[in-house]
Amino acid sequence: MKQARIYVDFNEMIEENLIILSETDIKEDSKGNKIELKEGLKVKLYSDDLCSCNESDNLIADGVVELNTHGNWDRDPKWNCRINKRGIYNESQKVKK
């Protein structure tokens, strides 16, 4: 990855564009930086994925941190991320505008 990103599991979508981000206020990005989460913080996300030839092609997205207000999960995340209108796409794809 060219840019540092925070790992998420894109299977943990709460809504079409809202994903569970963290149970704690600090999350480590792909470069080892500790990120202090707070309402309105813009973040870059990723999840491991493979292309059709079985090589790494991470899923990525950008979004904004929100305090969790959804209480129907088996764990209690504190923070979610609202994914922007570009959505989730593979790293090898050109950025959608």
PDB file of N, CA and C in Angstrom:
ATOM      1  N   MET A   1       0.837  -1.184   0.000  1.00  0.00           N
ATOM      2  CA  MET A   1       0.000   0.000   0.000  1.00  0.00           C
ATOM      3  C   MET A   1       0.873   1.235   0.000  1.00  0.00           C
ATOM      4  N   LYS A   2       0.466   2.191  -0.776  1.00  0.00           N
ATOM      5  CA  LYS A   2       1.220   3.437  -0.861  1.00  0.00           C
ATOM      6  C   LYS A   2       0.988   4.313   0.365  1.00  0.00           C
ATOM      7  N   GLN A   3      -0.250   4.320   0.859  1.00  0.00           N
ATOM      8  CA  GLN A   3      -0.591   5.155   2.006  1.00  0.00           C
ATOM      9  C   GLN A   3      -0.892   4.274   3.214  1.00  0.00           C
ATOM     10  N   ALA A   4      -0.612   4.811   4.402  1.00  0.00           N
ATOM     11  CA  ALA A   4      -0.962   4.098   5.631  1.00  0.00           C
ATOM     12  C   ALA A   4      -2.478   4.024   5.743  1.00  0.00           C
ATOM     13  N   ARG A   5      -2.978   2.848   6.126  1.00  0.00           N
ATOM     14  CA  ARG A   5      -4.414   2.631   6.251  1.00  0.00           C
ATOM     15  C   ARG A   5      -4.697   1.822   7.505  1.00  0.00           C
ATOM     16  N   ILE A   6      -5.903   1.958   8.028  1.00  0.00           N
ATOM     17  CA  ILE A   6      -6.353   1.214   9.200  1.00  0.00           C
ATOM     18  C   ILE A   6      -7.057  -0.049   8.729  1.00  0.00           C
ATOM     19  N   TYR A   7      -6.700  -1.184   9.332  1.00  0.00           N
ATOM     20  CA  TYR A   7      -7.324  -2.449   8.964  1.00  0.00           C
ATOM     21  C   TYR A   7      -8.743  -2.531   9.526  1.00  0.00           C
ATOM     22  N   VAL A   8      -9.683  -2.971   8.681  1.00  0.00           N
ATOM     23  CA  VAL A   8     -11.050  -3.273   9.090  1.00  0.00           C
ATOM     24  C   VAL A   8     -11.467  -4.584   8.442  1.00  0.00           C
ATOM     25  N   ASP A   9     -12.545  -5.140   8.913  1.00  0.00           N
ATOM     26  CA  ASP A   9     -13.142  -6.309   8.290  1.00  0.00           C
ATOM     27  C   ASP A   9     -14.399  -5.828   7.567  1.00  0.00           C
ATOM     28  N   PHE A  10     -14.346  -5.771   6.240  1.00  0.00           N
ATOM     29  CA  PHE A  10     -15.474  -5.250   5.483  1.00  0.00           C
ATOM     30  C   PHE A  10     -16.707  -6.161   5.564  1.00  0.00           C
ATOM     31  N   ASN A  11     -16.604  -7.289   6.265  1.00  0.00           N
ATOM     32  CA  ASN A  11     -17.781  -8.114   6.535  1.00  0.00           C
ATOM     33  C   ASN A  11     -18.559  -7.580   7.727  1.00  0.00           C
ATOM     34  N   GLU A  12     -18.015  -6.579   8.424  1.00  0.00           N
ATOM     35  CA  GLU A  12     -18.669  -6.011   9.605  1.00  0.00           C
ATOM     36  C   GLU A  12     -19.375  -4.692   9.276  1.00  0.00           C
ATOM     37  N   MET A  13     -20.069  -4.683   8.159  1.00  0.00           N
ATOM     38  CA  MET A  13     -20.835  -3.503   7.764  1.00  0.00           C
ATOM     39  C   MET A  13     -22.106  -3.430   8.601  1.00  0.00           C
ATOM     40  N   ILE A  14     -22.419  -2.254   9.107  1.00  0.00           N
ATOM     41  CA  ILE A  14     -23.632  -2.017   9.886  1.00  0.00           C
ATOM     42  C   ILE A  14     -24.739  -1.534   8.958  1.00  0.00           C
ATOM     43  N   GLU A  15     -24.358  -0.663   8.047  1.00  0.00           N
ATOM     44  CA  GLU A  15     -25.238  -0.145   7.003  1.00  0.00           C
ATOM     45  C   GLU A  15     -24.447  -0.224   5.704  1.00  0.00           C
ATOM     46  N   GLU A  16     -25.063   0.170   4.604  1.00  0.00           N
ATOM     47  CA  GLU A  16     -24.403   0.084   3.302  1.00  0.00           C
ATOM     48  C   GLU A  16     -23.061   0.807   3.283  1.00  0.00           C
ATOM     49  N   ASN A  17     -22.942   1.907   4.006  1.00  0.00           N
ATOM     50  CA  ASN A  17     -21.703   2.682   3.995  1.00  0.00           C
ATOM     51  C   ASN A  17     -21.153   2.942   5.405  1.00  0.00           C
ATOM     52  N   LEU A  18     -21.491   2.081   6.356  1.00  0.00           N
ATOM     53  CA  LEU A  18     -21.043   2.250   7.742  1.00  0.00           C
ATOM     54  C   LEU A  18     -20.456   0.938   8.241  1.00  0.00           C
ATOM     55  N   ILE A  19     -19.221   1.013   8.750  1.00  0.00           N
ATOM     56  CA  ILE A  19     -18.509  -0.189   9.190  1.00  0.00           C
ATOM     57  C   ILE A  19     -17.999  -0.019  10.614  1.00  0.00           C
ATOM     58  N   ILE A  20     -17.930  -1.128  11.350  1.00  0.00           N
ATOM     59  CA  ILE A  20     -17.317  -1.122  12.679  1.00  0.00           C
ATOM     60  C   ILE A  20     -15.830  -0.798  12.525  1.00  0.00           C
ATOM     61  N   LEU A  21     -15.336   0.109  13.351  1.00  0.00           N
ATOM     62  CA  LEU A  21     -13.937   0.522  13.264  1.00  0.00           C
ATOM     63  C   LEU A  21     -13.112   0.059  14.464  1.00  0.00           C
ATOM     64  N   SER A  22     -13.568   0.319  15.692  1.00  0.00           N
ATOM     65  CA  SER A  22     -12.717   0.009  16.843  1.00  0.00           C
ATOM     66  C   SER A  22     -13.511  -0.013  18.140  1.00  0.00           C
ATOM     67  N   GLU A  23     -13.029  -0.824  19.087  1.00  0.00           N
ATOM     68  CA  GLU A  23     -13.582  -0.849  20.445  1.00  0.00           C
ATOM     69  C   GLU A  23     -12.861   0.146  21.344  1.00  0.00           C
ATOM     70  N   THR A  24     -11.703   0.649  20.884  1.00  0.00           N
ATOM     71  CA  THR A  24     -10.883   1.549  21.705  1.00  0.00           C
ATOM     72  C   THR A  24     -10.632   2.867  20.968  1.00  0.00           C
ATOM     73  N   ASP A  25     -10.052   3.831  21.679  1.00  0.00           N
ATOM     74  CA  ASP A  25      -9.778   5.151  21.109  1.00  0.00           C
ATOM     75  C   ASP A  25      -8.512   5.186  20.256  1.00  0.00           C
ATOM     76  N   ILE A  26      -7.682   4.166  20.347  1.00  0.00           N
ATOM     77  CA  ILE A  26      -6.424   4.134  19.601  1.00  0.00           C
ATOM     78  C   ILE A  26      -6.445   2.942  18.653  1.00  0.00           C
ATOM     79  N   LYS A  27      -6.081   3.187  17.407  1.00  0.00           N
ATOM     80  CA  LYS A  27      -6.013   2.124  16.391  1.00  0.00           C
ATOM     81  C   LYS A  27      -4.678   2.290  15.664  1.00  0.00           C
ATOM     82  N   GLU A  28      -4.006   1.182  15.401  1.00  0.00           N
ATOM     83  CA  GLU A  28      -2.720   1.230  14.700  1.00  0.00           C
ATOM     84  C   GLU A  28      -2.951   1.079  13.200  1.00  0.00           C
ATOM     85  N   ASP A  29      -2.245   1.903  12.406  1.00  0.00           N
ATOM     86  CA  ASP A  29      -2.389   1.789  10.954  1.00  0.00           C
ATOM     87  C   ASP A  29      -1.359   0.816  10.382  1.00  0.00           C
ATOM     88  N   SER A  30      -1.387   0.635   9.081  1.00  0.00           N
ATOM     89  CA  SER A  30      -0.533  -0.355   8.402  1.00  0.00           C
ATOM     90  C   SER A  30       0.949  -0.024   8.469  1.00  0.00           C
ATOM     91  N   LYS A  31       1.313   1.190   8.854  1.00  0.00           N
ATOM     92  CA  LYS A  31       2.714   1.589   8.989  1.00  0.00           C
ATOM     93  C   LYS A  31       3.165   1.596  10.445  1.00  0.00           C
ATOM     94  N   GLY A  32       2.258   1.174  11.359  1.00  0.00           N
ATOM     95  CA  GLY A  32       2.601   1.116  12.776  1.00  0.00           C
ATOM     96  C   GLY A  32       2.333   2.395  13.546  1.00  0.00           C
ATOM     97  N   ASN A  33       1.750   3.397  12.903  1.00  0.00           N
ATOM     98  CA  ASN A  33       1.403   4.644  13.588  1.00  0.00           C
ATOM     99  C   ASN A  33       0.159   4.447  14.441  1.00  0.00           C
ATOM    100  N   LYS A  34       0.166   5.016  15.643  1.00  0.00           N
ATOM    101  CA  LYS A  34      -1.009   4.955  16.497  1.00  0.00           C
ATOM    102  C   LYS A  34      -1.896   6.158  16.173  1.00  0.00           C
ATOM    103  N   ILE A  35      -3.150   5.866  15.827  1.00  0.00           N
ATOM    104  CA  ILE A  35      -4.109   6.891  15.443  1.00  0.00           C
ATOM    105  C   ILE A  35      -5.129   7.048  16.559  1.00  0.00           C
ATOM    106  N   GLU A  36      -5.282   8.277  17.089  1.00  0.00           N
ATOM    107  CA  GLU A  36      -6.289   8.547  18.105  1.00  0.00           C
ATOM    108  C   GLU A  36      -7.601   8.859  17.399  1.00  0.00           C
ATOM    109  N   LEU A  37      -8.584   7.993  17.580  1.00  0.00           N
ATOM    110  CA  LEU A  37      -9.871   8.153  16.916  1.00  0.00           C
ATOM    111  C   LEU A  37     -10.703   9.200  17.622  1.00  0.00           C
ATOM    112  N   LYS A  38     -11.391  10.013  16.830  1.00  0.00           N
ATOM    113  CA  LYS A  38     -12.315  11.007  17.369  1.00  0.00           C
ATOM    114  C   LYS A  38     -13.344  11.324  16.295  1.00  0.00           C
ATOM    115  N   GLU A  39     -14.473  11.791  16.732  1.00  0.00           N
ATOM    116  CA  GLU A  39     -15.580  12.132  15.845  1.00  0.00           C
ATOM    117  C   GLU A  39     -15.108  13.082  14.741  1.00  0.00           C
ATOM    118  N   GLY A  40     -15.406  12.745  13.485  1.00  0.00           N
ATOM    119  CA  GLY A  40     -15.087  13.607  12.355  1.00  0.00           C
ATOM    120  C   GLY A  40     -13.712  13.395  11.741  1.00  0.00           C
ATOM    121  N   LEU A  41     -12.883  12.535  12.326  1.00  0.00           N
ATOM    122  CA  LEU A  41     -11.546  12.284  11.800  1.00  0.00           C
ATOM    123  C   LEU A  41     -11.644  11.536  10.467  1.00  0.00           C
ATOM    124  N   LYS A  42     -10.962  12.037   9.438  1.00  0.00           N
ATOM    125  CA  LYS A  42     -10.920  11.350   8.149  1.00  0.00           C
ATOM    126  C   LYS A  42      -9.880  10.238   8.229  1.00  0.00           C
ATOM    127  N   VAL A  43     -10.273   9.032   7.788  1.00  0.00           N
ATOM    128  CA  VAL A  43      -9.381   7.880   7.843  1.00  0.00           C
ATOM    129  C   VAL A  43      -9.399   7.117   6.527  1.00  0.00           C
ATOM    130  N   LYS A  44      -8.322   6.365   6.305  1.00  0.00           N
ATOM    131  CA  LYS A  44      -8.193   5.488   5.147  1.00  0.00           C
ATOM    132  C   LYS A  44      -8.209   4.055   5.670  1.00  0.00           C
ATOM    133  N   LEU A  45      -9.003   3.194   5.040  1.00  0.00           N
ATOM    134  CA  LEU A  45      -9.219   1.829   5.508  1.00  0.00           C
ATOM    135  C   LEU A  45      -8.728   0.815   4.487  1.00  0.00           C
ATOM    136  N   TYR A  46      -8.452  -0.397   4.968  1.00  0.00           N
ATOM    137  CA  TYR A  46      -8.142  -1.503   4.052  1.00  0.00           C
ATOM    138  C   TYR A  46      -8.526  -2.834   4.685  1.00  0.00           C
ATOM    139  N   SER A  47      -8.668  -3.828   3.823  1.00  0.00           N
ATOM    140  CA  SER A  47      -8.868  -5.212   4.238  1.00  0.00           C
ATOM    141  C   SER A  47      -8.167  -6.091   3.220  1.00  0.00           C
ATOM    142  N   ASP A  48      -7.594  -7.189   3.682  1.00  0.00           N
ATOM    143  CA  ASP A  48      -6.890  -8.104   2.776  1.00  0.00           C
ATOM    144  C   ASP A  48      -7.847  -8.672   1.737  1.00  0.00           C
ATOM    145  N   ASP A  49      -7.364  -8.784   0.501  1.00  0.00           N
ATOM    146  CA  ASP A  49      -8.136  -9.400  -0.564  1.00  0.00           C
ATOM    147  C   ASP A  49      -7.166  -9.892  -1.626  1.00  0.00           C
ATOM    148  N   LEU A  50      -7.635 -10.798  -2.465  1.00  0.00           N
ATOM    149  CA  LEU A  50      -6.821 -11.346  -3.550  1.00  0.00           C
ATOM    150  C   LEU A  50      -7.505 -11.089  -4.885  1.00  0.00           C
ATOM    151  N   CYS A  51      -6.704 -10.884  -5.928  1.00  0.00           N
ATOM    152  CA  CYS A  51      -7.250 -10.758  -7.275  1.00  0.00           C
ATOM    153  C   CYS A  51      -7.481 -12.153  -7.853  1.00  0.00           C
ATOM    154  N   SER A  52      -8.004 -12.214  -9.060  1.00  0.00           N
ATOM    155  CA  SER A  52      -8.319 -13.499  -9.687  1.00  0.00           C
ATOM    156  C   SER A  52      -7.087 -14.374  -9.909  1.00  0.00           C
ATOM    157  N   CYS A  53      -5.892 -13.756  -9.958  1.00  0.00           N
ATOM    158  CA  CYS A  53      -4.664 -14.536 -10.141  1.00  0.00           C
ATOM    159  C   CYS A  53      -4.013 -14.885  -8.797  1.00  0.00           C
ATOM    160  N   ASN A  54      -4.778 -14.724  -7.713  1.00  0.00           N
ATOM    161  CA  ASN A  54      -4.358 -15.100  -6.365  1.00  0.00           C
ATOM    162  C   ASN A  54      -3.230 -14.240  -5.805  1.00  0.00           C
ATOM    163  N   GLU A  55      -3.097 -13.024  -6.269  1.00  0.00           N
ATOM    164  CA  GLU A  55      -2.114 -12.080  -5.733  1.00  0.00           C
ATOM    165  C   GLU A  55      -2.832 -11.037  -4.882  1.00  0.00           C
ATOM    166  N   SER A  56      -2.106 -10.435  -3.963  1.00  0.00           N
ATOM    167  CA  SER A  56      -2.684  -9.433  -3.071  1.00  0.00           C
ATOM    168  C   SER A  56      -3.261  -8.248  -3.851  1.00  0.00           C
ATOM    169  N   ASP A  57      -4.490  -7.882  -3.542  1.00  0.00           N
ATOM    170  CA  ASP A  57      -5.161  -6.711  -4.124  1.00  0.00           C
ATOM    171  C   ASP A  57      -6.168  -6.222  -3.088  1.00  0.00           C
ATOM    172  N   ASN A  58      -5.656  -5.529  -2.068  1.00  0.00           N
ATOM    173  CA  ASN A  58      -6.463  -5.125  -0.921  1.00  0.00           C
ATOM    174  C   ASN A  58      -7.714  -4.353  -1.320  1.00  0.00           C
ATOM    175  N   LEU A  59      -8.758  -4.541  -0.521  1.00  0.00           N
ATOM    176  CA  LEU A  59      -9.937  -3.694  -0.605  1.00  0.00           C
ATOM    177  C   LEU A  59      -9.619  -2.432   0.182  1.00  0.00           C
ATOM    178  N   ILE A  60      -9.982  -1.275  -0.349  1.00  0.00           N
ATOM    179  CA  ILE A  60      -9.699  -0.013   0.333  1.00  0.00           C
ATOM    180  C   ILE A  60     -10.922   0.900   0.289  1.00  0.00           C
ATOM    181  N   ALA A  61     -10.943   1.855   1.198  1.00  0.00           N
ATOM    182  CA  ALA A  61     -12.004   2.853   1.258  1.00  0.00           C
ATOM    183  C   ALA A  61     -11.518   4.007   2.123  1.00  0.00           C
ATOM    184  N   ASP A  62     -12.168   5.140   1.976  1.00  0.00           N
ATOM    185  CA  ASP A  62     -11.897   6.308   2.806  1.00  0.00           C
ATOM    186  C   ASP A  62     -13.199   6.683   3.502  1.00  0.00           C
ATOM    187  N   GLY A  63     -13.080   7.275   4.684  1.00  0.00           N
ATOM    188  CA  GLY A  63     -14.290   7.655   5.392  1.00  0.00           C
ATOM    189  C   GLY A  63     -14.024   8.570   6.566  1.00  0.00           C
ATOM    190  N   VAL A  64     -15.064   8.743   7.374  1.00  0.00           N
ATOM    191  CA  VAL A  64     -15.031   9.639   8.526  1.00  0.00           C
ATOM    192  C   VAL A  64     -15.477   8.863   9.764  1.00  0.00           C
ATOM    193  N   VAL A  65     -14.746   9.042  10.850  1.00  0.00           N
ATOM    194  CA  VAL A  65     -15.021   8.358  12.115  1.00  0.00           C
ATOM    195  C   VAL A  65     -16.299   8.911  12.752  1.00  0.00           C
ATOM    196  N   GLU A  66     -17.132   7.979  13.260  1.00  0.00           N
ATOM    197  CA  GLU A  66     -18.357   8.329  13.987  1.00  0.00           C
ATOM    198  C   GLU A  66     -18.415   7.517  15.276  1.00  0.00           C
ATOM    199  N   LEU A  67     -18.975   8.114  16.309  1.00  0.00           N
ATOM    200  CA  LEU A  67     -19.234   7.385  17.548  1.00  0.00           C
ATOM    201  C   LEU A  67     -20.315   6.342  17.269  1.00  0.00           C
ATOM    202  N   ASN A  68     -20.141   5.136  17.771  1.00  0.00           N
ATOM    203  CA  ASN A  68     -21.101   4.066  17.529  1.00  0.00           C
ATOM    204  C   ASN A  68     -22.402   4.313  18.289  1.00  0.00           C
ATOM    205  N   THR A  69     -23.518   4.222  17.569  1.00  0.00           N
ATOM    206  CA  THR A  69     -24.833   4.337  18.211  1.00  0.00           C
ATOM    207  C   THR A  69     -25.674   3.088  17.958  1.00  0.00           C
ATOM    208  N   HIS A  70     -25.075   2.065  17.379  1.00  0.00           N
ATOM    209  CA  HIS A  70     -25.761   0.802  17.074  1.00  0.00           C
ATOM    210  C   HIS A  70     -25.366  -0.223  18.133  1.00  0.00           C
ATOM    211  N   GLY A  71     -26.324  -0.821  18.809  1.00  0.00           N
ATOM    212  CA  GLY A  71     -26.011  -1.709  19.912  1.00  0.00           C
ATOM    213  C   GLY A  71     -26.331  -3.169  19.685  1.00  0.00           C
ATOM    214  N   ASN A  72     -26.414  -3.603  18.439  1.00  0.00           N
ATOM    215  CA  ASN A  72     -26.850  -4.982  18.211  1.00  0.00           C
ATOM    216  C   ASN A  72     -25.723  -5.901  17.744  1.00  0.00           C
ATOM    217  N   TRP A  73     -24.515  -5.708  18.252  1.00  0.00           N
ATOM    218  CA  TRP A  73     -23.381  -6.568  17.888  1.00  0.00           C
ATOM    219  C   TRP A  73     -22.983  -7.406  19.082  1.00  0.00           C
ATOM    220  N   ASP A  74     -22.270  -8.508  18.838  1.00  0.00           N
ATOM    221  CA  ASP A  74     -21.842  -9.382  19.927  1.00  0.00           C
ATOM    222  C   ASP A  74     -20.714  -8.766  20.751  1.00  0.00           C
ATOM    223  N   ARG A  75     -20.119  -7.720  20.236  1.00  0.00           N
ATOM    224  CA  ARG A  75     -19.143  -6.947  21.007  1.00  0.00           C
ATOM    225  C   ARG A  75     -19.588  -5.497  20.938  1.00  0.00           C
ATOM    226  N   ASP A  76     -18.999  -4.644  21.714  1.00  0.00           N
ATOM    227  CA  ASP A  76     -19.489  -3.278  21.794  1.00  0.00           C
ATOM    228  C   ASP A  76     -18.463  -2.298  21.229  1.00  0.00           C
ATOM    229  N   PRO A  77     -18.434  -2.097  19.913  1.00  0.00           N
ATOM    230  CA  PRO A  77     -17.478  -1.150  19.349  1.00  0.00           C
ATOM    231  C   PRO A  77     -17.805   0.283  19.764  1.00  0.00           C
ATOM    232  N   LYS A  78     -16.776   1.057  19.998  1.00  0.00           N
ATOM    233  CA  LYS A  78     -16.968   2.462  20.355  1.00  0.00           C
ATOM    234  C   LYS A  78     -17.054   3.330  19.107  1.00  0.00           C
ATOM    235  N   TRP A  79     -16.276   2.944  18.065  1.00  0.00           N
ATOM    236  CA  TRP A  79     -16.172   3.775  16.867  1.00  0.00           C
ATOM    237  C   TRP A  79     -16.571   3.013  15.607  1.00  0.00           C
ATOM    238  N   ASN A  80     -17.231   3.737  14.702  1.00  0.00           N
ATOM    239  CA  ASN A  80     -17.561   3.251  13.363  1.00  0.00           C
ATOM    240  C   ASN A  80     -16.931   4.201  12.360  1.00  0.00           C
ATOM    241  N   CYS A  81     -16.984   3.821  11.088  1.00  0.00           N
ATOM    242  CA  CYS A  81     -16.509   4.702  10.024  1.00  0.00           C
ATOM    243  C   CYS A  81     -17.569   4.776   8.935  1.00  0.00           C
ATOM    244  N   ARG A  82     -17.929   6.000   8.562  1.00  0.00           N
ATOM    245  CA  ARG A  82     -18.871   6.255   7.474  1.00  0.00           C
ATOM    246  C   ARG A  82     -18.051   6.365   6.190  1.00  0.00           C
ATOM    247  N   ILE A  83     -18.197   5.383   5.303  1.00  0.00           N
ATOM    248  CA  ILE A  83     -17.415   5.330   4.062  1.00  0.00           C
ATOM    249  C   ILE A  83     -17.957   6.359   3.077  1.00  0.00           C
ATOM    250  N   ASN A  84     -17.040   7.055   2.398  1.00  0.00           N
ATOM    251  CA  ASN A  84     -17.457   8.118   1.479  1.00  0.00           C
ATOM    252  C   ASN A  84     -18.120   7.548   0.224  1.00  0.00           C
ATOM    253  N   LYS A  85     -18.584   8.432  -0.650  1.00  0.00           N
ATOM    254  CA  LYS A  85     -19.380   8.021  -1.810  1.00  0.00           C
ATOM    255  C   LYS A  85     -18.604   7.176  -2.820  1.00  0.00           C
ATOM    256  N   ARG A  86     -17.281   7.179  -2.764  1.00  0.00           N
ATOM    257  CA  ARG A  86     -16.505   6.305  -3.658  1.00  0.00           C
ATOM    258  C   ARG A  86     -16.687   4.836  -3.304  1.00  0.00           C
ATOM    259  N   GLY A  87     -17.031   4.560  -2.049  1.00  0.00           N
ATOM    260  CA  GLY A  87     -17.297   3.196  -1.618  1.00  0.00           C
ATOM    261  C   GLY A  87     -16.032   2.384  -1.406  1.00  0.00           C
ATOM    262  N   ILE A  88     -16.196   1.081  -1.496  1.00  0.00           N
ATOM    263  CA  ILE A  88     -15.112   0.123  -1.284  1.00  0.00           C
ATOM    264  C   ILE A  88     -14.682  -0.404  -2.646  1.00  0.00           C
ATOM    265  N   TYR A  89     -13.375  -0.441  -2.884  1.00  0.00           N
ATOM    266  CA  TYR A  89     -12.872  -0.915  -4.172  1.00  0.00           C
ATOM    267  C   TYR A  89     -11.495  -1.533  -3.988  1.00  0.00           C
ATOM    268  N   ASN A  90     -11.070  -2.316  -4.964  1.00  0.00           N
ATOM    269  CA  ASN A  90      -9.746  -2.934  -4.903  1.00  0.00           C
ATOM    270  C   ASN A  90      -8.662  -1.913  -5.173  1.00  0.00           C
ATOM    271  N   GLU A  91      -7.544  -2.086  -4.514  1.00  0.00           N
ATOM    272  CA  GLU A  91      -6.412  -1.169  -4.625  1.00  0.00           C
ATOM    273  C   GLU A  91      -5.942  -1.013  -6.074  1.00  0.00           C
ATOM    274  N   SER A  92      -6.056  -2.059  -6.872  1.00  0.00           N
ATOM    275  CA  SER A  92      -5.589  -2.016  -8.263  1.00  0.00           C
ATOM    276  C   SER A  92      -6.520  -1.207  -9.175  1.00  0.00           C
ATOM    277  N   GLN A  93      -7.745  -0.930  -8.722  1.00  0.00           N
ATOM    278  CA  GLN A  93      -8.680  -0.169  -9.536  1.00  0.00           C
ATOM    279  C   GLN A  93      -8.345   1.308  -9.484  1.00  0.00           C
ATOM    280  N   LYS A  94      -8.659   1.993 -10.568  1.00  0.00           N
ATOM    281  CA  LYS A  94      -8.505   3.450 -10.569  1.00  0.00           C
ATOM    282  C   LYS A  94      -9.505   4.030  -9.597  1.00  0.00           C
ATOM    283  N   VAL A  95      -9.140   5.132  -8.961  1.00  0.00           N
ATOM    284  CA  VAL A  95     -10.025   5.780  -7.997  1.00  0.00           C
ATOM    285  C   VAL A  95     -11.284   6.241  -8.701  1.00  0.00           C
ATOM    286  N   LYS A  96     -12.432   5.890  -8.105  1.00  0.00           N
ATOM    287  CA  LYS A  96     -13.712   6.340  -8.640  1.00  0.00           C
ATOM    288  C   LYS A  96     -13.917   7.791  -8.249  1.00  0.00           C
ATOM    289  N   LYS A  97     -14.441   8.569  -9.128  1.00  0.00           N
ATOM    290  CA  LYS A  97     -14.690   9.985  -8.829  1.00  0.00           C
ATOM    291  C   LYS A  97     -16.158  10.253  -8.690  1.00  0.00           C
TER     292      LYS A  97
END
